[in-house]
Each structure stands twice: as C-alpha cells, then as structure tokens.
Protein backbone atom coordinates (compact mmCIF):
# COMPACT_ATOMS: atom_id res chain seq x y z
CA MET A 1 -76.33 -81.44 -71.63
CA LEU A 2 -74.94 -82.15 -74.96
CA PRO A 3 -75.54 -79.85 -78.37
CA GLN A 4 -77.91 -81.27 -80.95
CA HIS A 5 -78.06 -81.44 -84.47
CA GLU A 6 -81.21 -82.19 -86.39
CA GLY A 7 -82.23 -84.37 -83.70
CA VAL A 8 -79.15 -86.16 -83.37
CA GLN A 9 -77.29 -85.77 -80.00
CA LEU A 10 -73.72 -84.50 -80.79
CA LEU A 11 -70.79 -86.10 -79.25
CA ARG A 12 -67.01 -86.32 -79.16
CA ILE A 13 -65.79 -89.10 -80.50
CA ILE A 14 -62.33 -90.99 -80.49
CA VAL A 15 -61.85 -92.84 -84.03
CA THR A 16 -58.62 -94.74 -83.76
CA GLY A 17 -57.37 -95.68 -87.37
CA ALA A 18 -59.33 -92.80 -88.77
CA ALA A 19 -56.88 -92.92 -91.96
CA GLY A 20 -57.89 -96.69 -92.43
CA PHE A 21 -60.45 -98.28 -94.28
CA ILE A 22 -63.15 -98.47 -92.25
CA GLY A 23 -62.12 -96.03 -89.95
CA PHE A 24 -62.36 -93.20 -92.51
CA HIS A 25 -65.70 -94.19 -93.84
CA PHE A 26 -66.95 -94.18 -90.04
CA ALA A 27 -65.53 -90.79 -89.35
CA GLN A 28 -66.96 -89.32 -92.53
CA ARG A 29 -70.11 -90.32 -91.64
CA LEU A 30 -69.90 -88.93 -88.19
CA LEU A 31 -68.94 -85.61 -89.41
CA THR A 32 -71.70 -85.37 -91.76
CA GLU A 33 -74.09 -85.84 -88.95
CA GLY A 34 -72.09 -83.17 -86.85
CA HIS A 35 -70.18 -85.16 -84.39
CA THR A 36 -66.66 -83.94 -83.21
CA VAL A 37 -64.19 -86.25 -84.59
CA ILE A 38 -60.64 -86.86 -83.02
CA GLY A 39 -58.49 -89.00 -85.18
CA LEU A 40 -55.87 -91.23 -84.21
CA ASP A 41 -53.61 -93.01 -86.79
CA ASN A 42 -49.77 -93.99 -87.33
CA LEU A 43 -50.12 -93.69 -90.64
CA ASN A 44 -47.85 -97.05 -91.10
CA ASP A 45 -46.69 -98.34 -95.09
CA TYR A 46 -48.09 -101.68 -94.14
CA TYR A 47 -50.02 -100.21 -97.60
CA ASP A 48 -49.90 -97.30 -100.00
CA VAL A 49 -49.62 -94.36 -97.62
CA ARG A 50 -50.85 -92.26 -100.19
CA LEU A 51 -54.24 -93.78 -99.83
CA LYS A 52 -54.34 -92.96 -96.54
CA GLU A 53 -53.38 -89.32 -96.87
CA ASP A 54 -55.89 -88.47 -99.42
CA ARG A 55 -58.66 -90.04 -97.36
CA LEU A 56 -57.25 -87.54 -94.28
CA ALA A 57 -57.52 -84.51 -96.90
CA LEU A 58 -61.14 -85.62 -96.97
CA LEU A 59 -61.77 -85.74 -93.25
CA ARG A 60 -60.06 -82.34 -92.81
CA GLN A 61 -62.41 -80.53 -94.96
CA TYR A 62 -64.75 -81.14 -91.96
CA PRO A 63 -64.11 -78.20 -89.39
CA GLU A 64 -65.08 -80.77 -86.37
CA PHE A 65 -62.17 -83.05 -87.35
CA HIS A 66 -59.20 -83.19 -85.46
CA PHE A 67 -56.36 -85.37 -85.91
CA GLU A 68 -52.92 -86.60 -84.22
CA ARG A 69 -50.68 -89.23 -85.55
CA VAL A 70 -49.61 -91.25 -82.90
CA GLY A 71 -48.88 -95.04 -82.37
CA LEU A 72 -50.92 -96.85 -79.98
CA GLU A 73 -48.07 -98.71 -78.63
CA ASP A 74 -47.04 -95.50 -77.21
CA GLY A 75 -49.35 -95.92 -73.99
CA GLU A 76 -48.40 -91.90 -72.24
CA ARG A 77 -49.28 -90.07 -75.22
CA VAL A 78 -52.24 -92.03 -76.05
CA LYS A 79 -53.73 -91.23 -72.41
CA GLY A 80 -52.55 -87.62 -72.87
CA ILE A 81 -54.53 -87.35 -76.12
CA PHE A 82 -57.56 -89.16 -74.67
CA ARG A 83 -57.30 -86.75 -71.65
CA VAL A 84 -57.25 -83.42 -74.05
CA ALA A 85 -59.77 -85.07 -76.29
CA GLY A 86 -63.26 -85.06 -73.85
CA ALA A 87 -64.79 -87.57 -75.54
CA GLU A 88 -67.85 -89.33 -74.89
CA ARG A 89 -67.37 -92.24 -77.03
CA VAL A 90 -64.37 -94.30 -78.11
CA VAL A 91 -64.21 -96.27 -81.52
CA HIS A 92 -61.05 -98.16 -82.06
CA LEU A 93 -60.47 -99.33 -85.57
CA ALA A 94 -56.57 -99.31 -85.43
CA ALA A 95 -55.11 -102.87 -85.83
CA GLN A 96 -52.30 -104.11 -88.25
CA ALA A 97 -54.62 -106.09 -90.34
CA GLY A 98 -54.24 -109.14 -92.93
CA VAL A 99 -53.75 -112.71 -92.05
CA ARG A 100 -50.95 -113.80 -94.43
CA TYR A 101 -48.81 -111.05 -93.25
CA SER A 102 -49.34 -111.99 -89.42
CA LEU A 103 -47.89 -115.48 -90.56
CA GLN A 104 -44.41 -113.85 -91.11
CA ASN A 105 -44.30 -110.95 -88.66
CA PRO A 106 -46.48 -112.21 -85.38
CA LEU A 107 -44.47 -109.74 -82.92
CA VAL A 108 -46.01 -106.44 -85.32
CA TYR A 109 -49.32 -107.79 -84.29
CA ILE A 110 -49.23 -108.47 -80.40
CA GLN A 111 -47.25 -104.65 -80.55
CA SER A 112 -50.19 -103.26 -82.45
CA ASN A 113 -53.11 -105.25 -81.64
CA VAL A 114 -52.44 -106.31 -78.24
CA LEU A 115 -50.36 -103.90 -76.71
CA GLY A 116 -52.12 -100.98 -78.76
CA PHE A 117 -55.49 -102.39 -77.65
CA THR A 118 -54.37 -102.51 -73.95
CA ASN A 119 -53.13 -98.73 -73.93
CA VAL A 120 -56.43 -97.80 -75.36
CA LEU A 121 -58.60 -99.80 -72.40
CA GLU A 122 -56.31 -98.11 -69.70
CA ALA A 123 -57.02 -94.71 -71.26
CA CYS A 124 -60.79 -95.70 -71.21
CA ARG A 125 -60.58 -97.05 -67.76
CA GLU A 126 -58.66 -93.81 -66.24
CA LEU A 127 -61.13 -91.27 -67.79
CA GLN A 128 -64.51 -93.52 -67.13
CA ILE A 129 -65.35 -93.40 -71.23
CA PRO A 130 -69.24 -94.01 -71.16
CA HIS A 131 -68.53 -96.22 -74.58
CA LEU A 132 -65.69 -97.99 -75.71
CA ILE A 133 -66.65 -99.66 -79.61
CA TYR A 134 -63.76 -101.88 -80.86
CA ALA A 135 -63.11 -103.63 -84.14
CA SER A 136 -62.96 -107.56 -83.66
CA SER A 137 -62.82 -109.53 -86.41
CA SER A 138 -64.76 -113.23 -88.35
CA SER A 139 -61.25 -114.61 -88.32
CA VAL A 140 -61.53 -115.45 -84.67
CA TYR A 141 -64.35 -118.13 -85.36
CA GLY A 142 -60.98 -120.20 -87.15
CA ALA A 143 -61.52 -123.92 -86.94
CA ASN A 144 -65.32 -123.64 -86.07
CA ALA A 145 -67.22 -125.67 -88.98
CA LYS A 146 -70.78 -124.95 -87.84
CA ILE A 147 -72.12 -122.59 -90.05
CA PRO A 148 -73.56 -119.35 -89.45
CA PHE A 149 -71.25 -117.82 -87.06
CA SER A 150 -72.73 -117.39 -83.92
CA VAL A 151 -71.63 -115.04 -80.98
CA ARG A 152 -73.03 -117.78 -78.99
CA ASP A 153 -70.31 -120.43 -80.53
CA ASN A 154 -66.96 -120.98 -78.70
CA VAL A 155 -63.85 -119.30 -80.57
CA ASP A 156 -61.29 -121.10 -78.38
CA HIS A 157 -59.46 -122.41 -82.03
CA PRO A 158 -57.96 -119.65 -83.99
CA VAL A 159 -55.59 -120.47 -87.40
CA SER A 160 -53.80 -117.59 -87.81
CA ILE A 161 -51.83 -114.90 -85.43
CA TYR A 162 -54.09 -112.27 -86.40
CA ALA A 163 -56.95 -114.12 -85.50
CA ALA A 164 -55.68 -114.89 -81.86
CA THR A 165 -54.52 -111.23 -81.40
CA LYS A 166 -58.62 -110.29 -82.27
CA LYS A 167 -59.66 -113.19 -79.81
CA ALA A 168 -57.09 -111.65 -77.07
CA ASP A 169 -58.55 -108.13 -77.60
CA GLU A 170 -62.15 -109.90 -76.71
CA LEU A 171 -60.53 -111.31 -73.66
CA LEU A 172 -58.89 -108.11 -72.59
CA ALA A 173 -62.17 -106.13 -73.22
CA HIS A 174 -64.39 -108.53 -71.12
CA THR A 175 -61.77 -108.25 -68.27
CA TYR A 176 -62.25 -104.33 -68.32
CA SER A 177 -65.73 -104.51 -68.11
CA HIS A 178 -66.09 -106.86 -65.58
CA LEU A 179 -63.10 -105.48 -63.25
CA PHE A 180 -63.58 -101.68 -63.95
CA ALA A 181 -67.40 -101.83 -65.33
CA LEU A 182 -66.14 -100.07 -68.57
CA PRO A 183 -68.96 -100.70 -70.94
CA THR A 184 -67.41 -102.39 -74.14
CA THR A 185 -68.88 -103.49 -77.60
CA GLY A 186 -66.66 -105.88 -79.89
CA LEU A 187 -67.51 -106.03 -83.76
CA ARG A 188 -66.79 -108.92 -85.46
CA PHE A 189 -66.75 -107.81 -88.99
CA PHE A 190 -67.19 -109.80 -91.86
CA THR A 191 -65.05 -109.47 -95.25
CA VAL A 192 -65.46 -105.35 -95.47
CA TYR A 193 -65.74 -103.92 -99.12
CA GLY A 194 -66.23 -100.65 -101.08
CA PRO A 195 -64.39 -97.37 -102.39
CA TRP A 196 -61.25 -96.25 -100.63
CA GLY A 197 -60.60 -100.15 -99.82
CA ARG A 198 -57.47 -101.67 -98.66
CA PRO A 199 -55.01 -102.61 -101.63
CA ASP A 200 -54.15 -106.18 -99.76
CA MET A 201 -57.68 -107.31 -100.10
CA ALA A 202 -58.40 -109.50 -102.59
CA TYR A 203 -61.21 -107.55 -104.44
CA PHE A 204 -59.06 -104.31 -104.59
CA SER A 205 -55.98 -106.60 -105.78
CA PHE A 206 -57.87 -108.41 -108.56
CA THR A 207 -59.34 -105.26 -109.94
CA LYS A 208 -55.61 -104.04 -110.12
CA ALA A 209 -54.67 -107.39 -111.95
CA ILE A 210 -57.70 -107.62 -114.52
CA LEU A 211 -56.96 -104.05 -115.55
CA GLU A 212 -53.14 -104.74 -116.37
CA GLY A 213 -53.66 -108.22 -118.03
CA ARG A 214 -51.92 -110.11 -115.10
CA PRO A 215 -53.11 -113.52 -113.68
CA ILE A 216 -55.01 -113.07 -110.41
CA GLN A 217 -54.37 -115.95 -107.60
CA VAL A 218 -57.41 -118.06 -106.74
CA PHE A 219 -57.00 -119.73 -103.65
CA ASN A 220 -58.59 -123.24 -102.82
CA HIS A 221 -59.49 -123.37 -106.63
CA GLY A 222 -62.26 -120.75 -106.09
CA ARG A 223 -64.46 -123.01 -103.69
CA MET A 224 -63.73 -120.50 -100.91
CA GLN A 225 -66.76 -118.63 -99.56
CA ARG A 226 -67.18 -115.36 -97.87
CA ASP A 227 -69.63 -113.18 -96.20
CA PHE A 228 -68.97 -109.67 -98.00
CA THR A 229 -70.28 -106.82 -96.50
CA TYR A 230 -70.51 -103.47 -98.28
CA ILE A 231 -68.73 -100.62 -95.75
CA ASP A 232 -71.87 -98.49 -95.58
CA ASP A 233 -73.56 -101.47 -93.73
CA ILE A 234 -70.67 -101.64 -91.46
CA VAL A 235 -71.03 -97.82 -90.92
CA GLU A 236 -74.87 -97.72 -90.26
CA GLY A 237 -74.45 -100.79 -88.37
CA MET A 238 -71.85 -98.51 -86.11
CA VAL A 239 -73.46 -95.80 -85.79
CA ARG A 240 -76.70 -97.30 -84.45
CA LEU A 241 -74.83 -98.87 -81.50
CA LEU A 242 -73.04 -95.87 -80.26
CA ASP A 243 -75.90 -95.40 -77.78
CA ARG A 244 -76.41 -98.66 -77.44
CA ILE A 245 -74.41 -99.05 -74.22
CA PRO A 246 -74.10 -102.44 -72.46
CA ARG A 247 -75.41 -102.91 -69.03
CA PRO A 248 -74.49 -105.13 -66.66
CA ASN A 249 -76.74 -108.17 -66.05
CA PRO A 250 -76.03 -109.45 -62.55
CA GLU A 251 -78.30 -112.65 -62.89
CA LEU A 252 -76.39 -114.25 -65.90
CA ARG A 253 -73.90 -115.94 -63.92
CA GLY A 254 -72.28 -119.54 -64.05
CA SER A 255 -74.27 -121.85 -66.38
CA SER A 256 -76.20 -119.28 -67.73
CA LEU A 257 -73.43 -117.60 -69.67
CA ASP A 258 -72.70 -118.37 -72.91
CA PRO A 259 -69.68 -117.19 -75.22
CA GLY A 260 -71.78 -114.14 -76.49
CA THR A 261 -73.20 -113.11 -73.15
CA SER A 262 -71.95 -111.51 -69.69
CA HIS A 263 -72.78 -110.43 -66.49
CA ALA A 264 -70.52 -107.85 -66.99
CA PRO A 265 -71.39 -104.41 -69.46
CA TYR A 266 -70.06 -106.50 -72.47
CA ARG A 267 -71.26 -107.25 -75.67
CA ILE A 268 -70.11 -108.82 -78.95
CA TYR A 269 -71.85 -108.63 -82.39
CA ASN A 270 -71.27 -110.02 -85.81
CA ILE A 271 -71.34 -107.47 -88.51
CA GLY A 272 -71.80 -109.61 -91.90
CA ASN A 273 -74.19 -109.30 -95.04
CA ASN A 274 -75.79 -113.11 -93.73
CA LYS A 275 -74.99 -114.30 -97.22
CA PRO A 276 -72.13 -116.09 -98.16
CA VAL A 277 -70.92 -115.83 -101.66
CA GLU A 278 -68.43 -118.26 -103.53
CA LEU A 279 -65.19 -116.53 -104.62
CA LEU A 280 -65.86 -117.85 -108.12
CA ARG A 281 -69.31 -115.79 -108.37
CA PHE A 282 -67.51 -113.05 -106.67
CA ILE A 283 -64.84 -112.93 -109.41
CA GLU A 284 -67.61 -113.17 -111.86
CA VAL A 285 -69.25 -110.14 -110.68
CA LEU A 286 -66.28 -107.79 -110.65
CA GLU A 287 -65.41 -108.91 -114.17
CA GLN A 288 -68.93 -108.06 -115.34
CA ALA A 289 -68.29 -104.40 -113.49
CA LEU A 290 -64.95 -103.96 -115.26
CA GLY A 291 -66.10 -105.23 -118.42
CA LYS A 292 -62.83 -107.33 -118.68
CA GLN A 293 -62.28 -111.24 -117.94
CA ALA A 294 -59.83 -112.28 -115.35
CA ILE A 295 -56.53 -114.67 -115.68
CA LYS A 296 -57.35 -117.34 -113.15
CA GLU A 297 -54.33 -119.14 -111.57
CA PHE A 298 -55.82 -122.03 -109.35
CA LEU A 299 -54.26 -122.40 -105.95
CA PRO A 300 -54.86 -124.84 -102.81
CA MET A 301 -56.11 -123.55 -99.62
CA GLN A 302 -53.08 -120.71 -97.75
CA PRO A 303 -52.19 -121.03 -94.33
CA GLY A 304 -54.22 -119.59 -91.82
CA ASP A 305 -57.16 -119.17 -94.58
CA VAL A 306 -60.59 -120.63 -93.61
CA PRO A 307 -63.15 -122.16 -96.34
CA VAL A 308 -66.43 -120.31 -95.44
CA THR A 309 -67.38 -117.30 -93.19
CA TYR A 310 -71.03 -116.65 -92.68
CA ALA A 311 -72.66 -114.40 -89.69
CA ASP A 312 -75.17 -114.94 -87.89
CA ILE A 313 -76.71 -111.41 -87.36
CA ASP A 314 -79.85 -112.11 -85.15
CA ASP A 315 -78.46 -110.47 -82.02
CA LEU A 316 -77.26 -107.09 -84.04
CA GLU A 317 -80.89 -107.10 -85.70
CA ARG A 318 -82.71 -107.65 -82.30
CA GLU A 319 -80.47 -104.72 -80.82
CA ILE A 320 -80.60 -101.93 -83.52
CA GLY A 321 -83.20 -103.15 -85.94
CA PHE A 322 -80.94 -103.46 -88.52
CA ARG A 323 -79.44 -105.90 -91.20
CA PRO A 324 -77.02 -105.18 -94.37
CA ALA A 325 -78.90 -105.14 -97.54
CA THR A 326 -76.24 -104.05 -100.26
CA SER A 327 -75.98 -106.60 -103.08
CA LEU A 328 -72.80 -107.69 -104.06
CA GLU A 329 -73.61 -106.46 -107.63
CA GLU A 330 -74.25 -102.89 -106.11
CA GLY A 331 -71.09 -103.00 -103.70
CA ILE A 332 -68.77 -104.10 -106.20
CA GLY A 333 -70.55 -101.38 -109.13
CA ARG A 334 -69.61 -98.84 -106.86
CA PHE A 335 -66.17 -99.64 -105.67
CA VAL A 336 -65.37 -100.20 -109.75
CA ARG A 337 -66.33 -96.87 -110.36
CA TRP A 338 -64.43 -95.32 -107.47
CA TYR A 339 -61.11 -97.42 -108.36
CA LEU A 340 -61.64 -96.47 -111.99
CA ASP A 341 -61.93 -92.59 -111.03
CA TYR A 342 -59.12 -92.45 -108.18
CA TYR A 343 -56.52 -94.17 -110.49
CA ARG A 344 -57.48 -92.73 -113.57
C-alpha cells in the first residue's frame, strides 16, 4: 500500500522539464503535498540558465526531490533513470518551446519534442507506468477558425514547426495507448503565465522593455487574442488529473470516434482560462501593475502566429470538477511583484 500524507496517497513521480516554468511549479506543488519527485532537465540555454538553476535551488530544499541532468534524446540513459526511479506516474513537460524559434531551428524541435518524447514513451512502455501525462499545446489548433477550440475538433492544419511536433506527440501517445495499453493524458496548454515564467514569453519581455523605457513589439497591431491562463490554475488541473487514469472503451470505434475520444486508454484535454483577452487589454493591465506606460511599436502578424486562442474546457470540468478562475489583473499583479523582487 502506498504511503499517505494528510489523506493524500503519496506517489513517486517523474517530472521531465523540472527546471522549466510549468515543471518547476508542478514539482513544487507535488513536493509540498509530500510526494517524491524525480526531476529531469537538460538545462539548455534557450533562455537564461540562471533562472532555471534558481528554480532548481528552490526544489532542492525538499528532501524528497531528486534531480538528474539529462537530454531526453539519450534514450538509454532515460530508460536507466526510469528503471531506478520506481515511479508510479510520469509527467512529461520537457520540450523545446517557442513558435518563432521553431521556424529557424526545426531540427532542434524534432530532436527534443519528437525523439525525446518517443524515448519517454518507450521507457513508460517497458516499465508499465500506470499513467503518463504529457504537455501538448493550444498551437495544435493552427488554422482552425471555429472558436472556442474543442478537443472534438480536427487539428490537421498546424501553422508552425512547434505545433506540428506537438500534434506528432499526440499521435505517438495514441499509438502507444492502442498498441501497448499505456494510459496517456495529453494537456493542451493555453498561454500560461505567472511568476518564474519564461523570458521569451511576451508578458515577460514586455515587462523588461517597459521598465527599461524601450518599445515593445505589438504584433497584428494588437488585435491578437489569447486565452491567458495563470500557472496555479494549470497546476491545479494537472494535480487533479494524476489519478484520473484513462480507461479503454471498446465501444468507441469507427463512426463513434472523434478526435477527443478513443477506444484506447487515451485522453486529451484543453487547459485554458476559457476567456480570451485582446493583446492591447493585456498590455493595459501590465502597464497598470507596473505604474508605467509602454512605448508600442505596431507590427503585422508574424509567420506561425494565430489571431485567436480560446479553450473549450467542458471536458476538463466534467472530468475533474475544476475550471481556471484567476483573473488577469490578479495574475499579472502576482507576476509583476515576483519580477520586481527577482530582478531588483
């Protein structure tokens, strides 16, 4: 029988990308609940490595945190770590992120997001992991025009290399669920923001530029809309899904199938705020939190971008009884307070 902590069944959980933005927050939440976390990360220099190391330093304060520096492209090493870890859950959050960067460096994305994920799937298959949760992305909706985006919609028209790799991950996960009965849950994250975030994200780079008195680049002349989702809401949804292990449903075959269902132990969920916000409104909230106006440079839409993201989260709410509720004003306020303290 697994150990308990204040009514919570304690687990050994592998978290890939543990030094990343979402991985750090998720691992920290697990550790505060008493779980054991085996964190994997390659600490690459896509953005400031010091930020990743500072996140890790906070996680290392917990005795139940164990860290392995590894690139997931090294399949044998990944399997070796998984064999020793004795994990009951794997949460795969490691990835090469960034839509625009993928246009210049496609092979990096194939190596990290496709080969790396395949190595994770292989390790989970070999060790018969009871549940693999992995990060997908709202970017898979690509050229879809119907909003809000639903997991029932086809996602066959990606508009960036990054999005194509995330769609490939969903297909690989389904194949492993079908062939090897590996329970997998994919999470399509919608524009996650908050303290300890990624410096390449707009809210982070905007904050830096506004404080330094430099112009910010506002694409599509500010008419983009994003379903900004606060990090704590993302983490809450993930924690609740740990024990919602997908089960096979043999009745779902042929004409009864849609992209959000399967006969295999496989599920996909959107995790978003279900409330798109125009970019100019987002900038206004950021200006208010900083007490300083932005100098705006309006530019056309960039290749790989989409005008709107908007999550239909009905399936998620039905499954776990939760929907994100952090307002933009509250979330940006928390981010700005963290930013000013961290970079003071």
